[in-house]
Amino acid sequence: MSENKLFIRSLLISILLSLPASYVAFSVYASYEQLSPLVFYGVNVLVLFLGIYVGSLIVLTMANRPAAPETKGETAPRETGTVKWFNSVKGFGFITRDNGEEIFVHFRSIRGKGRKALNDGQRVEFSVVQGEKGPQAEDVTVI
């Protein structure tokens, strides 16, 4: 997930968590009329800040958690090959298998964090799965 999307998602969730807390603080203030407006607004700002902070921590913790590995019962045998070409802008390319056949690879099938791309000529290990348009490389790792 891009950092901008993560920030916006974190901010929205944090605000949604903070609004009920602010409402509770307002309800408490309404029951204690002896509190000055300055104290009320100070507590309200503190509650909002803490809600946004806690919400951000929750979202960031969930975003940094590694994805659970997909288990499909049997694991396909691993193959090796060489990256023929990979277009990082379009997010796909082809791998030449060791038996000479070419196989499609999509950026979502590449293991790792951050920007997922392959370099031409790179040696890779992968599983072969049947995609919509034929066989494709899955669970690709650089050797």
Protein backbone atom coordinates (compact mmCIF):
# COMPACT_ATOMS: atom_id res chain seq x y z
CA MET A 1 0.00 0.00 0.00
CA SER A 2 1.44 3.39 -0.91
CA GLU A 3 2.41 5.72 1.90
CA ASN A 4 -0.17 8.36 0.88
CA LYS A 5 -3.02 5.84 0.90
CA LEU A 6 -1.79 4.47 4.22
CA PHE A 7 -1.65 7.96 5.72
CA ILE A 8 -5.17 8.85 4.52
CA ARG A 9 -6.56 5.52 5.71
CA SER A 10 -4.85 5.97 9.07
CA LEU A 11 -6.18 9.50 9.43
CA LEU A 12 -9.77 8.55 8.57
CA ILE A 13 -9.81 5.59 10.96
CA SER A 14 -8.24 7.71 13.69
CA ILE A 15 -10.81 10.47 13.29
CA LEU A 16 -13.64 7.94 13.37
CA LEU A 17 -12.22 6.53 16.60
CA SER A 18 -11.75 9.99 18.10
CA LEU A 19 -15.22 11.39 17.47
CA PRO A 20 -17.01 9.13 19.97
CA ALA A 21 -14.33 9.90 22.55
CA SER A 22 -14.89 13.60 21.99
CA TYR A 23 -18.64 13.08 22.42
CA VAL A 24 -18.02 11.30 25.74
CA ALA A 25 -15.80 14.19 26.87
CA PHE A 26 -18.57 16.63 25.94
CA SER A 27 -21.11 14.56 27.92
CA VAL A 28 -18.84 14.62 30.95
CA TYR A 29 -18.46 18.38 30.62
CA ALA A 30 -22.23 18.82 30.41
CA SER A 31 -22.65 16.97 33.72
CA TYR A 32 -19.98 19.10 35.46
CA GLU A 33 -21.00 22.67 34.81
CA GLN A 34 -18.36 23.99 37.20
CA LEU A 35 -15.59 23.18 34.67
CA SER A 36 -14.37 26.18 32.75
CA PRO A 37 -14.63 26.17 28.95
CA LEU A 38 -10.82 26.31 28.78
CA VAL A 39 -10.52 23.02 30.69
CA PHE A 40 -13.27 21.46 28.57
CA TYR A 41 -11.60 22.39 25.29
CA GLY A 42 -8.22 21.29 26.60
CA VAL A 43 -9.59 17.87 27.56
CA ASN A 44 -11.41 17.63 24.23
CA VAL A 45 -8.23 18.38 22.26
CA LEU A 46 -6.30 15.87 24.37
CA VAL A 47 -8.94 13.17 23.81
CA LEU A 48 -8.96 13.85 20.05
CA PHE A 49 -5.15 13.76 19.90
CA LEU A 50 -4.97 10.48 21.83
CA GLY A 51 -7.69 8.94 19.65
CA ILE A 52 -5.89 9.91 16.45
CA TYR A 53 -2.58 8.67 17.85
CA VAL A 54 -3.97 5.30 18.96
CA GLY A 55 -5.87 4.87 15.68
CA SER A 56 -2.71 5.61 13.71
CA LEU A 57 -0.75 3.06 15.71
CA ILE A 58 -3.42 0.43 15.07
CA VAL A 59 -3.48 1.07 11.32
CA LEU A 60 0.32 1.19 11.00
CA THR A 61 0.69 -2.03 12.99
CA MET A 62 -1.81 -3.77 10.75
CA ALA A 63 -0.18 -2.39 7.58
CA ASN A 64 3.28 -3.65 8.57
CA ARG A 65 2.04 -7.13 9.46
CA PRO A 66 3.22 -9.69 6.89
CA ALA A 67 0.50 -11.31 4.85
CA ALA A 68 -0.48 -14.81 5.88
CA PRO A 69 0.86 -17.40 3.49
CA GLU A 70 -1.75 -18.95 1.27
CA THR A 71 -2.17 -22.64 1.91
CA LYS A 72 -3.89 -24.63 -0.79
CA GLY A 73 -3.20 -28.09 0.57
CA GLU A 74 -0.59 -29.25 -1.90
CA THR A 75 2.29 -26.99 -2.76
CA ALA A 76 3.34 -26.88 -6.38
CA PRO A 77 6.91 -27.99 -7.10
CA ARG A 78 9.34 -25.09 -7.35
CA GLU A 79 11.04 -24.32 -10.64
CA THR A 80 13.89 -22.02 -11.57
CA GLY A 81 14.38 -19.72 -14.49
CA THR A 82 15.78 -16.42 -15.76
CA VAL A 83 13.88 -13.16 -16.13
CA LYS A 84 13.57 -12.50 -19.88
CA TRP A 85 12.10 -9.03 -19.36
CA PHE A 86 10.01 -7.22 -16.78
CA ASN A 87 8.23 -3.87 -17.24
CA SER A 88 8.08 -2.31 -13.77
CA VAL A 89 5.72 0.44 -14.98
CA LYS A 90 3.13 -2.03 -16.25
CA GLY A 91 3.93 -4.57 -13.52
CA PHE A 92 4.44 -7.71 -15.58
CA GLY A 93 6.97 -9.59 -17.66
CA PHE A 94 8.18 -13.04 -18.67
CA ILE A 95 10.50 -15.62 -17.18
CA THR A 96 12.34 -18.18 -19.31
CA ARG A 97 12.05 -21.50 -17.53
CA ASP A 98 15.09 -23.78 -17.40
CA ASN A 99 13.34 -26.05 -19.94
CA GLY A 100 13.23 -23.12 -22.42
CA GLU A 101 9.52 -22.27 -22.17
CA GLU A 102 8.43 -18.74 -21.31
CA ILE A 103 6.02 -18.06 -18.48
CA PHE A 104 4.09 -14.91 -17.52
CA VAL A 105 4.85 -13.16 -14.21
CA HIS A 106 2.83 -10.39 -12.53
CA PHE A 107 4.25 -8.05 -9.88
CA ARG A 108 1.76 -9.36 -7.28
CA SER A 109 3.39 -12.78 -7.58
CA ILE A 110 6.80 -11.47 -6.47
CA ARG A 111 7.70 -12.10 -2.83
CA GLY A 112 9.13 -9.24 -0.79
CA LYS A 113 8.39 -5.84 0.64
CA GLY A 114 8.43 -2.47 -1.04
CA ARG A 115 8.50 -2.02 -4.78
CA LYS A 116 8.14 -5.41 -6.43
CA ALA A 117 10.11 -5.65 -9.64
CA LEU A 118 12.52 -8.00 -11.37
CA ASN A 119 15.63 -7.22 -13.39
CA ASP A 120 16.34 -8.70 -16.82
CA GLY A 121 18.67 -11.71 -16.52
CA GLN A 122 17.93 -12.26 -12.83
CA ARG A 123 17.71 -15.89 -11.63
CA VAL A 124 14.42 -16.66 -9.88
CA GLU A 125 12.59 -19.54 -8.24
CA PHE A 126 8.81 -19.88 -8.59
CA SER A 127 5.78 -22.14 -8.61
CA VAL A 128 3.68 -22.59 -11.74
CA VAL A 129 -0.08 -22.11 -11.50
CA GLN A 130 -2.76 -22.12 -14.16
CA GLY A 131 -3.97 -18.54 -14.74
CA GLU A 132 -6.85 -17.27 -16.88
CA LYS A 133 -4.66 -17.07 -19.98
CA GLY A 134 -2.40 -20.04 -19.31
CA PRO A 135 0.42 -20.93 -16.93
CA GLN A 136 1.97 -18.18 -14.87
CA ALA A 137 4.68 -17.85 -12.23
CA GLU A 138 3.51 -17.54 -8.63
CA ASP A 139 5.40 -16.96 -5.37
CA VAL A 140 8.49 -15.68 -7.24
CA THR A 141 11.72 -15.25 -5.26
CA VAL A 142 15.11 -14.03 -6.44
CA ILE A 143 17.85 -16.65 -6.05
